[in-house]
PDB file of N, CA and C in Angstrom:
ATOM      1  N   MET A   1       3.405  -7.509 -19.222  1.00  0.00           N
ATOM      2  CA  MET A   1       3.651  -6.926 -17.607  1.00  0.00           C
ATOM      3  C   MET A   1       4.941  -7.134 -17.123  1.00  0.00           C
ATOM      4  N   THR A   2       5.403  -6.182 -16.518  1.00  0.00           N
ATOM      5  CA  THR A   2       6.497  -5.962 -15.741  1.00  0.00           C
ATOM      6  C   THR A   2       6.402  -6.130 -14.197  1.00  0.00           C
ATOM      7  N   PRO A   3       6.537  -7.559 -13.738  1.00  0.00           N
ATOM      8  CA  PRO A   3       6.182  -7.735 -12.192  1.00  0.00           C
ATOM      9  C   PRO A   3       7.211  -6.974 -11.256  1.00  0.00           C
ATOM     10  N   SER A   4       6.409  -6.176 -10.243  1.00  0.00           N
ATOM     11  CA  SER A   4       7.195  -5.427  -9.451  1.00  0.00           C
ATOM     12  C   SER A   4       6.468  -5.830  -8.211  1.00  0.00           C
ATOM     13  N   ARG A   5       7.589  -5.190  -7.193  1.00  0.00           N
ATOM     14  CA  ARG A   5       7.436  -5.184  -5.781  1.00  0.00           C
ATOM     15  C   ARG A   5       7.626  -4.035  -5.017  1.00  0.00           C
ATOM     16  N   ALA A   6       7.033  -3.566  -4.134  1.00  0.00           N
ATOM     17  CA  ALA A   6       7.215  -2.314  -3.367  1.00  0.00           C
ATOM     18  C   ALA A   6       7.111  -2.526  -2.006  1.00  0.00           C
ATOM     19  N   TYR A   7       7.869  -2.155  -1.181  1.00  0.00           N
ATOM     20  CA  TYR A   7       7.432  -1.943   0.379  1.00  0.00           C
ATOM     21  C   TYR A   7       7.281  -0.564   0.568  1.00  0.00           C
ATOM     22  N   VAL A   8       6.303  -0.059   1.263  1.00  0.00           N
ATOM     23  CA  VAL A   8       5.841   1.115   1.350  1.00  0.00           C
ATOM     24  C   VAL A   8       5.604   1.420   2.823  1.00  0.00           C
ATOM     25  N   LEU A   9       6.144   2.600   3.211  1.00  0.00           N
ATOM     26  CA  LEU A   9       5.572   3.102   4.782  1.00  0.00           C
ATOM     27  C   LEU A   9       5.186   4.543   4.586  1.00  0.00           C
ATOM     28  N   ILE A  10       3.859   4.549   5.018  1.00  0.00           N
ATOM     29  CA  ILE A  10       3.061   5.685   5.162  1.00  0.00           C
ATOM     30  C   ILE A  10       2.875   6.497   6.319  1.00  0.00           C
ATOM     31  N   SER A  11       3.515   7.926   6.621  1.00  0.00           N
ATOM     32  CA  SER A  11       3.470   8.427   7.726  1.00  0.00           C
ATOM     33  C   SER A  11       2.563   9.468   7.662  1.00  0.00           C
ATOM     34  N   GLY A  12       2.027  10.014   8.936  1.00  0.00           N
ATOM     35  CA  GLY A  12       1.135  11.072   9.116  1.00  0.00           C
ATOM     36  C   GLY A  12       0.111  10.436   9.979  1.00  0.00           C
ATOM     37  N   ARG A  13      -1.390  11.122   9.483  1.00  0.00           N
ATOM     38  CA  ARG A  13      -2.416  10.732  10.493  1.00  0.00           C
ATOM     39  C   ARG A  13      -3.139   9.439   9.362  1.00  0.00           C
ATOM     40  N   VAL A  14      -2.611   8.529   9.647  1.00  0.00           N
ATOM     41  CA  VAL A  14      -2.867   7.430   8.883  1.00  0.00           C
ATOM     42  C   VAL A  14      -3.607   6.170   9.400  1.00  0.00           C
ATOM     43  N   GLN A  15      -3.604   6.133  10.918  1.00  0.00           N
ATOM     44  CA  GLN A  15      -4.107   5.090  11.359  1.00  0.00           C
ATOM     45  C   GLN A  15      -5.589   5.600  11.961  1.00  0.00           C
ATOM     46  N   GLY A  16      -6.649   4.868  11.890  1.00  0.00           N
ATOM     47  CA  GLY A  16      -8.000   5.333  12.477  1.00  0.00           C
ATOM     48  C   GLY A  16      -8.767   5.983  11.472  1.00  0.00           C
ATOM     49  N   VAL A  17      -8.309   6.141  10.214  1.00  0.00           N
ATOM     50  CA  VAL A  17      -9.044   6.893   9.192  1.00  0.00           C
ATOM     51  C   VAL A  17      -9.499   6.122   8.042  1.00  0.00           C
ATOM     52  N   MET A  18      -9.705   4.728   8.178  1.00  0.00           N
ATOM     53  CA  MET A  18      -9.829   3.852   7.047  1.00  0.00           C
ATOM     54  C   MET A  18      -8.736   3.667   6.141  1.00  0.00           C
ATOM     55  N   PHE A  19      -7.560   3.658   6.442  1.00  0.00           N
ATOM     56  CA  PHE A  19      -6.667   3.869   5.523  1.00  0.00           C
ATOM     57  C   PHE A  19      -6.070   2.238   4.932  1.00  0.00           C
ATOM     58  N   ARG A  20      -6.398   1.497   5.778  1.00  0.00           N
ATOM     59  CA  ARG A  20      -6.124  -0.164   5.444  1.00  0.00           C
ATOM     60  C   ARG A  20      -7.158  -0.599   4.397  1.00  0.00           C
ATOM     61  N   GLU A  21      -8.266  -0.109   4.964  1.00  0.00           N
ATOM     62  CA  GLU A  21      -9.621  -0.983   4.155  1.00  0.00           C
ATOM     63  C   GLU A  21      -9.533   0.090   2.791  1.00  0.00           C
ATOM     64  N   SER A  22      -9.448   1.206   2.892  1.00  0.00           N
ATOM     65  CA  SER A  22      -9.236   2.087   1.321  1.00  0.00           C
ATOM     66  C   SER A  22      -8.212   1.519   0.508  1.00  0.00           C
ATOM     67  N   THR A  23      -6.944   1.230   1.167  1.00  0.00           N
ATOM     68  CA  THR A  23      -6.110   0.560   0.431  1.00  0.00           C
ATOM     69  C   THR A  23      -6.022  -0.729  -0.225  1.00  0.00           C
ATOM     70  N   ARG A  24      -6.935  -1.393   0.638  1.00  0.00           N
ATOM     71  CA  ARG A  24      -7.235  -2.635   0.003  1.00  0.00           C
ATOM     72  C   ARG A  24      -8.318  -2.638  -1.071  1.00  0.00           C
ATOM     73  N   GLN A  25      -9.434  -1.539  -1.152  1.00  0.00           N
ATOM     74  CA  GLN A  25     -10.151  -1.325  -2.069  1.00  0.00           C
ATOM     75  C   GLN A  25      -9.545  -0.871  -3.405  1.00  0.00           C
ATOM     76  N   GLU A  26      -8.578  -0.070  -3.129  1.00  0.00           N
ATOM     77  CA  GLU A  26      -7.820   0.662  -4.114  1.00  0.00           C
ATOM     78  C   GLU A  26      -6.952  -0.567  -5.013  1.00  0.00           C
ATOM     79  N   ALA A  27      -6.360  -1.167  -4.140  1.00  0.00           N
ATOM     80  CA  ALA A  27      -5.299  -2.508  -4.507  1.00  0.00           C
ATOM     81  C   ALA A  27      -6.249  -3.533  -5.450  1.00  0.00           C
ATOM     82  N   GLN A  28      -7.299  -3.765  -4.939  1.00  0.00           N
ATOM     83  CA  GLN A  28      -8.292  -4.755  -5.773  1.00  0.00           C
ATOM     84  C   GLN A  28      -8.532  -3.891  -7.087  1.00  0.00           C
ATOM     85  N   LYS A  29      -9.084  -2.742  -7.032  1.00  0.00           N
ATOM     86  CA  LYS A  29      -9.470  -2.168  -8.350  1.00  0.00           C
ATOM     87  C   LYS A  29      -8.168  -2.118  -9.140  1.00  0.00           C
ATOM     88  N   ALA A  30      -7.079  -1.717  -8.747  1.00  0.00           N
ATOM     89  CA  ALA A  30      -5.564  -1.587  -9.646  1.00  0.00           C
ATOM     90  C   ALA A  30      -5.199  -3.070  -9.859  1.00  0.00           C
ATOM     91  N   GLY A  31      -5.634  -4.374  -9.248  1.00  0.00           N
ATOM     92  CA  GLY A  31      -5.212  -5.636  -9.832  1.00  0.00           C
ATOM     93  C   GLY A  31      -3.889  -5.842  -8.955  1.00  0.00           C
ATOM     94  N   VAL A  32      -3.584  -5.254  -7.968  1.00  0.00           N
ATOM     95  CA  VAL A  32      -2.416  -5.578  -7.263  1.00  0.00           C
ATOM     96  C   VAL A  32      -2.489  -6.496  -5.931  1.00  0.00           C
ATOM     97  N   THR A  33      -1.733  -7.362  -5.793  1.00  0.00           N
ATOM     98  CA  THR A  33      -1.621  -8.100  -4.729  1.00  0.00           C
ATOM     99  C   THR A  33      -0.712  -7.519  -3.572  1.00  0.00           C
ATOM    100  N   GLY A  34      -1.010  -8.107  -2.130  1.00  0.00           N
ATOM    101  CA  GLY A  34      -0.132  -7.553  -1.329  1.00  0.00           C
ATOM    102  C   GLY A  34      -0.707  -7.758   0.116  1.00  0.00           C
ATOM    103  N   MET A  35      -0.384  -6.546   0.874  1.00  0.00           N
ATOM    104  CA  MET A  35      -0.831  -6.509   2.041  1.00  0.00           C
ATOM    105  C   MET A  35      -0.781  -5.176   2.720  1.00  0.00           C
ATOM    106  N   VAL A  36      -1.468  -4.751   3.723  1.00  0.00           N
ATOM    107  CA  VAL A  36      -1.256  -3.334   4.537  1.00  0.00           C
ATOM    108  C   VAL A  36      -1.872  -3.749   5.986  1.00  0.00           C
ATOM    109  N   ARG A  37      -0.978  -2.825   6.727  1.00  0.00           N
ATOM    110  CA  ARG A  37      -1.279  -3.226   8.191  1.00  0.00           C
ATOM    111  C   ARG A  37      -0.602  -1.874   8.927  1.00  0.00           C
ATOM    112  N   ASN A  38      -1.486  -1.722  10.102  1.00  0.00           N
ATOM    113  CA  ASN A  38      -0.890  -0.565  10.996  1.00  0.00           C
ATOM    114  C   ASN A  38       0.214  -1.027  11.687  1.00  0.00           C
ATOM    115  N   ILE A  39       1.302  -0.279  12.059  1.00  0.00           N
ATOM    116  CA  ILE A  39       2.577  -0.691  12.887  1.00  0.00           C
ATOM    117  C   ILE A  39       2.607   0.225  14.232  1.00  0.00           C
ATOM    118  N   PRO A  40       3.150  -0.475  15.164  1.00  0.00           N
ATOM    119  CA  PRO A  40       3.067   0.162  16.288  1.00  0.00           C
ATOM    120  C   PRO A  40       3.520   1.648  16.626  1.00  0.00           C
ATOM    121  N   ASP A  41       4.451   2.095  15.689  1.00  0.00           N
ATOM    122  CA  ASP A  41       4.924   3.691  15.656  1.00  0.00           C
ATOM    123  C   ASP A  41       4.083   4.815  14.834  1.00  0.00           C
ATOM    124  N   GLY A  42       2.673   4.051  14.504  1.00  0.00           N
ATOM    125  CA  GLY A  42       1.780   5.170  14.032  1.00  0.00           C
ATOM    126  C   GLY A  42       1.777   5.178  12.414  1.00  0.00           C
ATOM    127  N   ARG A  43       2.655   4.685  12.037  1.00  0.00           N
ATOM    128  CA  ARG A  43       2.684   4.491  10.344  1.00  0.00           C
ATOM    129  C   ARG A  43       1.734   3.182   9.999  1.00  0.00           C
ATOM    130  N   VAL A  44       1.710   3.226   8.642  1.00  0.00           N
ATOM    131  CA  VAL A  44       1.266   2.205   7.860  1.00  0.00           C
ATOM    132  C   VAL A  44       1.733   1.631   6.844  1.00  0.00           C
ATOM    133  N   GLU A  45       2.384   0.299   6.887  1.00  0.00           N
ATOM    134  CA  GLU A  45       3.092  -0.534   6.082  1.00  0.00           C
ATOM    135  C   GLU A  45       2.209  -1.269   5.054  1.00  0.00           C
ATOM    136  N   ALA A  46       2.873  -1.369   3.728  1.00  0.00           N
ATOM    137  CA  ALA A  46       2.122  -1.974   2.996  1.00  0.00           C
ATOM    138  C   ALA A  46       3.198  -2.764   1.925  1.00  0.00           C
ATOM    139  N   ILE A  47       2.711  -3.799   1.221  1.00  0.00           N
ATOM    140  CA  ILE A  47       3.663  -4.150   0.175  1.00  0.00           C
ATOM    141  C   ILE A  47       2.919  -4.487  -1.078  1.00  0.00           C
ATOM    142  N   PHE A  48       3.064  -3.979  -1.855  1.00  0.00           N
ATOM    143  CA  PHE A  48       2.246  -4.167  -3.298  1.00  0.00           C
ATOM    144  C   PHE A  48       3.185  -4.851  -4.363  1.00  0.00           C
ATOM    145  N   GLU A  49       2.380  -5.804  -4.783  1.00  0.00           N
ATOM    146  CA  GLU A  49       2.927  -6.728  -6.139  1.00  0.00           C
ATOM    147  C   GLU A  49       1.962  -6.798  -7.229  1.00  0.00           C
ATOM    148  N   GLY A  50       2.699  -6.619  -8.431  1.00  0.00           N
ATOM    149  CA  GLY A  50       2.000  -6.677  -9.620  1.00  0.00           C
ATOM    150  C   GLY A  50       2.688  -6.062 -10.830  1.00  0.00           C
ATOM    151  N   ASP A  51       1.835  -5.836 -11.709  1.00  0.00           N
ATOM    152  CA  ASP A  51       2.284  -4.927 -12.840  1.00  0.00           C
ATOM    153  C   ASP A  51       3.061  -3.580 -12.463  1.00  0.00           C
ATOM    154  N   ARG A  52       4.074  -3.158 -12.774  1.00  0.00           N
ATOM    155  CA  ARG A  52       4.629  -1.882 -12.419  1.00  0.00           C
ATOM    156  C   ARG A  52       3.925  -0.892 -12.354  1.00  0.00           C
ATOM    157  N   ALA A  53       3.068  -0.570 -13.517  1.00  0.00           N
ATOM    158  CA  ALA A  53       2.457   0.517 -13.800  1.00  0.00           C
ATOM    159  C   ALA A  53       1.325   0.473 -12.544  1.00  0.00           C
ATOM    160  N   ALA A  54       0.653  -0.644 -12.344  1.00  0.00           N
ATOM    161  CA  ALA A  54      -0.484  -0.573 -10.976  1.00  0.00           C
ATOM    162  C   ALA A  54       0.304  -0.482  -9.835  1.00  0.00           C
ATOM    163  N   VAL A  55       1.612  -0.828  -9.563  1.00  0.00           N
ATOM    164  CA  VAL A  55       2.168  -0.618  -8.456  1.00  0.00           C
ATOM    165  C   VAL A  55       2.344   0.900  -8.150  1.00  0.00           C
ATOM    166  N   LEU A  56       3.063   1.634  -9.249  1.00  0.00           N
ATOM    167  CA  LEU A  56       3.234   2.795  -9.297  1.00  0.00           C
ATOM    168  C   LEU A  56       1.892   3.831  -8.797  1.00  0.00           C
ATOM    169  N   ARG A  57       0.676   3.140  -9.550  1.00  0.00           N
ATOM    170  CA  ARG A  57      -0.596   3.963  -9.050  1.00  0.00           C
ATOM    171  C   ARG A  57      -0.626   3.716  -7.593  1.00  0.00           C
ATOM    172  N   MET A  58      -0.616   2.545  -7.172  1.00  0.00           N
ATOM    173  CA  MET A  58      -0.808   2.481  -5.664  1.00  0.00           C
ATOM    174  C   MET A  58       0.020   3.272  -5.026  1.00  0.00           C
ATOM    175  N   ILE A  59       1.166   3.603  -4.947  1.00  0.00           N
ATOM    176  CA  ILE A  59       2.298   4.320  -4.558  1.00  0.00           C
ATOM    177  C   ILE A  59       1.877   5.892  -4.385  1.00  0.00           C
ATOM    178  N   GLU A  60       1.238   6.242  -5.582  1.00  0.00           N
ATOM    179  CA  GLU A  60       0.570   7.488  -5.589  1.00  0.00           C
ATOM    180  C   GLU A  60      -0.629   7.771  -4.976  1.00  0.00           C
ATOM    181  N   TRP A  61      -1.325   6.722  -5.087  1.00  0.00           N
ATOM    182  CA  TRP A  61      -2.654   6.807  -4.065  1.00  0.00           C
ATOM    183  C   TRP A  61      -2.164   6.949  -2.703  1.00  0.00           C
ATOM    184  N   CYS A  62      -1.307   6.494  -2.407  1.00  0.00           N
ATOM    185  CA  CYS A  62      -0.693   6.302  -0.860  1.00  0.00           C
ATOM    186  C   CYS A  62      -0.166   7.766  -0.644  1.00  0.00           C
ATOM    187  N   LYS A  63      -0.063   8.552  -1.253  1.00  0.00           N
ATOM    188  CA  LYS A  63       0.527  10.057  -1.102  1.00  0.00           C
ATOM    189  C   LYS A  63      -0.633  10.840  -0.728  1.00  0.00           C
ATOM    190  N   HIS A  64      -1.704  10.526  -0.844  1.00  0.00           N
ATOM    191  CA  HIS A  64      -3.043  11.192  -0.351  1.00  0.00           C
ATOM    192  C   HIS A  64      -4.090  10.290   0.663  1.00  0.00           C
ATOM    193  N   GLY A  65      -3.977   9.139   0.262  1.00  0.00           N
ATOM    194  CA  GLY A  65      -4.953   8.054   0.901  1.00  0.00           C
ATOM    195  C   GLY A  65      -6.358   8.360   0.953  1.00  0.00           C
ATOM    196  N   PRO A  66      -7.308   8.131   1.901  1.00  0.00           N
ATOM    197  CA  PRO A  66      -8.673   8.430   1.922  1.00  0.00           C
ATOM    198  C   PRO A  66      -9.098   9.903   2.459  1.00  0.00           C
ATOM    199  N   PRO A  67     -10.217  10.111   2.314  1.00  0.00           N
ATOM    200  CA  PRO A  67     -10.343  11.630   2.456  1.00  0.00           C
ATOM    201  C   PRO A  67      -9.908  12.059   3.893  1.00  0.00           C
ATOM    202  N   ALA A  68     -10.083  11.362   4.923  1.00  0.00           N
ATOM    203  CA  ALA A  68      -9.701  11.659   6.487  1.00  0.00           C
ATOM    204  C   ALA A  68      -8.292  11.757   6.771  1.00  0.00           C
ATOM    205  N   ALA A  69      -7.602  10.796   6.099  1.00  0.00           N
ATOM    206  CA  ALA A  69      -5.925  10.978   6.374  1.00  0.00           C
ATOM    207  C   ALA A  69      -5.537  12.162   5.905  1.00  0.00           C
ATOM    208  N   ARG A  70      -4.189  12.304   6.811  1.00  0.00           N
ATOM    209  CA  ARG A  70      -3.278  13.389   6.439  1.00  0.00           C
ATOM    210  C   ARG A  70      -1.852  12.785   6.249  1.00  0.00           C
ATOM    211  N   VAL A  71      -1.310  12.400   5.185  1.00  0.00           N
ATOM    212  CA  VAL A  71      -0.217  11.803   4.890  1.00  0.00           C
ATOM    213  C   VAL A  71       0.759  12.899   4.757  1.00  0.00           C
ATOM    214  N   GLU A  72       1.955  12.548   5.421  1.00  0.00           N
ATOM    215  CA  GLU A  72       3.294  13.391   5.394  1.00  0.00           C
ATOM    216  C   GLU A  72       4.554  12.975   4.741  1.00  0.00           C
ATOM    217  N   ASP A  73       4.667  11.526   4.890  1.00  0.00           N
ATOM    218  CA  ASP A  73       5.518  11.109   4.148  1.00  0.00           C
ATOM    219  C   ASP A  73       5.220   9.444   3.651  1.00  0.00           C
ATOM    220  N   VAL A  74       5.684   9.351   2.534  1.00  0.00           N
ATOM    221  CA  VAL A  74       5.742   7.983   1.737  1.00  0.00           C
ATOM    222  C   VAL A  74       6.966   7.602   1.332  1.00  0.00           C
ATOM    223  N   GLN A  75       7.528   6.447   2.122  1.00  0.00           N
ATOM    224  CA  GLN A  75       8.995   6.000   1.831  1.00  0.00           C
ATOM    225  C   GLN A  75       8.734   4.582   1.109  1.00  0.00           C
ATOM    226  N   VAL A  76       9.425   4.364  -0.039  1.00  0.00           N
ATOM    227  CA  VAL A  76       9.310   3.216  -0.966  1.00  0.00           C
ATOM    228  C   VAL A  76      10.714   2.691  -1.105  1.00  0.00           C
ATOM    229  N   LEU A  77      10.609   1.321  -0.880  1.00  0.00           N
ATOM    230  CA  LEU A  77      11.633   0.285  -1.254  1.00  0.00           C
ATOM    231  C   LEU A  77      11.276  -0.631  -2.286  1.00  0.00           C
ATOM    232  N   TRP A  78      11.952  -0.447  -3.215  1.00  0.00           N
ATOM    233  CA  TRP A  78      11.704  -1.320  -4.225  1.00  0.00           C
ATOM    234  C   TRP A  78      12.372  -2.803  -4.147  1.00  0.00           C
ATOM    235  N   GLU A  79      11.650  -4.027  -4.104  1.00  0.00           N
ATOM    236  CA  GLU A  79      12.472  -5.066  -3.875  1.00  0.00           C
ATOM    237  C   GLU A  79      11.773  -6.010  -4.983  1.00  0.00           C
ATOM    238  N   PRO A  80      12.723  -6.997  -5.140  1.00  0.00           N
ATOM    239  CA  PRO A  80      12.608  -8.188  -6.173  1.00  0.00           C
ATOM    240  C   PRO A  80      11.185  -8.664  -6.177  1.00  0.00           C
ATOM    241  N   TYR A  81      10.510  -9.050  -7.275  1.00  0.00           N
ATOM    242  CA  TYR A  81       8.999  -9.257  -7.227  1.00  0.00           C
ATOM    243  C   TYR A  81       9.185 -10.819  -6.535  1.00  0.00           C
ATOM    244  N   ARG A  82       8.622 -11.285  -5.705  1.00  0.00           N
ATOM    245  CA  ARG A  82       8.430 -12.732  -5.231  1.00  0.00           C
ATOM    246  C   ARG A  82       7.072 -13.609  -5.334  1.00  0.00           C
ATOM    247  N   GLY A  83       5.903 -12.717  -5.731  1.00  0.00           N
ATOM    248  CA  GLY A  83       4.644 -13.556  -5.794  1.00  0.00           C
ATOM    249  C   GLY A  83       4.101 -13.906  -4.577  1.00  0.00           C
ATOM    250  N   ASP A  84       4.484 -13.462  -3.540  1.00  0.00           N
ATOM    251  CA  ASP A  84       4.009 -14.036  -2.156  1.00  0.00           C
ATOM    252  C   ASP A  84       2.510 -14.028  -2.052  1.00  0.00           C
ATOM    253  N   PHE A  85       1.691 -13.191  -2.605  1.00  0.00           N
ATOM    254  CA  PHE A  85       0.403 -12.917  -2.264  1.00  0.00           C
ATOM    255  C   PHE A  85      -0.748 -13.345  -3.299  1.00  0.00           C
ATOM    256  N   PRO A  86      -1.768 -14.365  -2.925  1.00  0.00           N
ATOM    257  CA  PRO A  86      -2.668 -14.356  -4.114  1.00  0.00           C
ATOM    258  C   PRO A  86      -3.658 -13.655  -4.138  1.00  0.00           C
ATOM    259  N   ASN A  87      -3.806 -12.516  -2.974  1.00  0.00           N
ATOM    260  CA  ASN A  87      -4.807 -11.373  -3.172  1.00  0.00           C
ATOM    261  C   ASN A  87      -4.223 -10.136  -2.322  1.00  0.00           C
ATOM    262  N   PHE A  88      -4.934  -9.184  -2.295  1.00  0.00           N
ATOM    263  CA  PHE A  88      -4.520  -8.216  -1.178  1.00  0.00           C
ATOM    264  C   PHE A  88      -5.513  -8.257  -0.149  1.00  0.00           C
ATOM    265  N   ARG A  89      -4.718  -8.244   1.193  1.00  0.00           N
ATOM    266  CA  ARG A  89      -5.390  -8.329   2.304  1.00  0.00           C
ATOM    267  C   ARG A  89      -4.665  -7.422   3.380  1.00  0.00           C
ATOM    268  N   ILE A  90      -5.869  -7.440   4.470  1.00  0.00           N
ATOM    269  CA  ILE A  90      -5.354  -6.228   5.600  1.00  0.00           C
ATOM    270  C   ILE A  90      -4.805  -7.401   6.578  1.00  0.00           C
ATOM    271  N   ILE A  91      -3.737  -7.180   7.171  1.00  0.00           N
ATOM    272  CA  ILE A  91      -3.116  -7.946   8.253  1.00  0.00           C
ATOM    273  C   ILE A  91      -3.231  -7.029   9.642  1.00  0.00           C
ATOM    274  N   ALA A  92      -3.828  -7.648  10.406  1.00  0.00           N
ATOM    275  CA  ALA A  92      -4.250  -6.919  11.797  1.00  0.00           C
ATOM    276  C   ALA A  92      -3.049  -6.900  12.437  1.00  0.00           C
TER     277      ALA A  92
END
């Protein structure tokens, strides 16, 4: 396992479309820890930690999101793995 961490910002129609809950479900399936939340400018912010291949799968998933979302852009910043999260959670 190659532990990795990605900070991700997702733009488009991504709030009010079950993006956070769907992200949590997908992260649990992938075995990724971290968090997801809406931010005031209309984007969704996420941090994914785990095996690099699983983190990459989550980033790819974010490029389309759940069925009602319309993703316009996904920005990724790779950060050093820190192991900050015991699970994946939604932050209000």
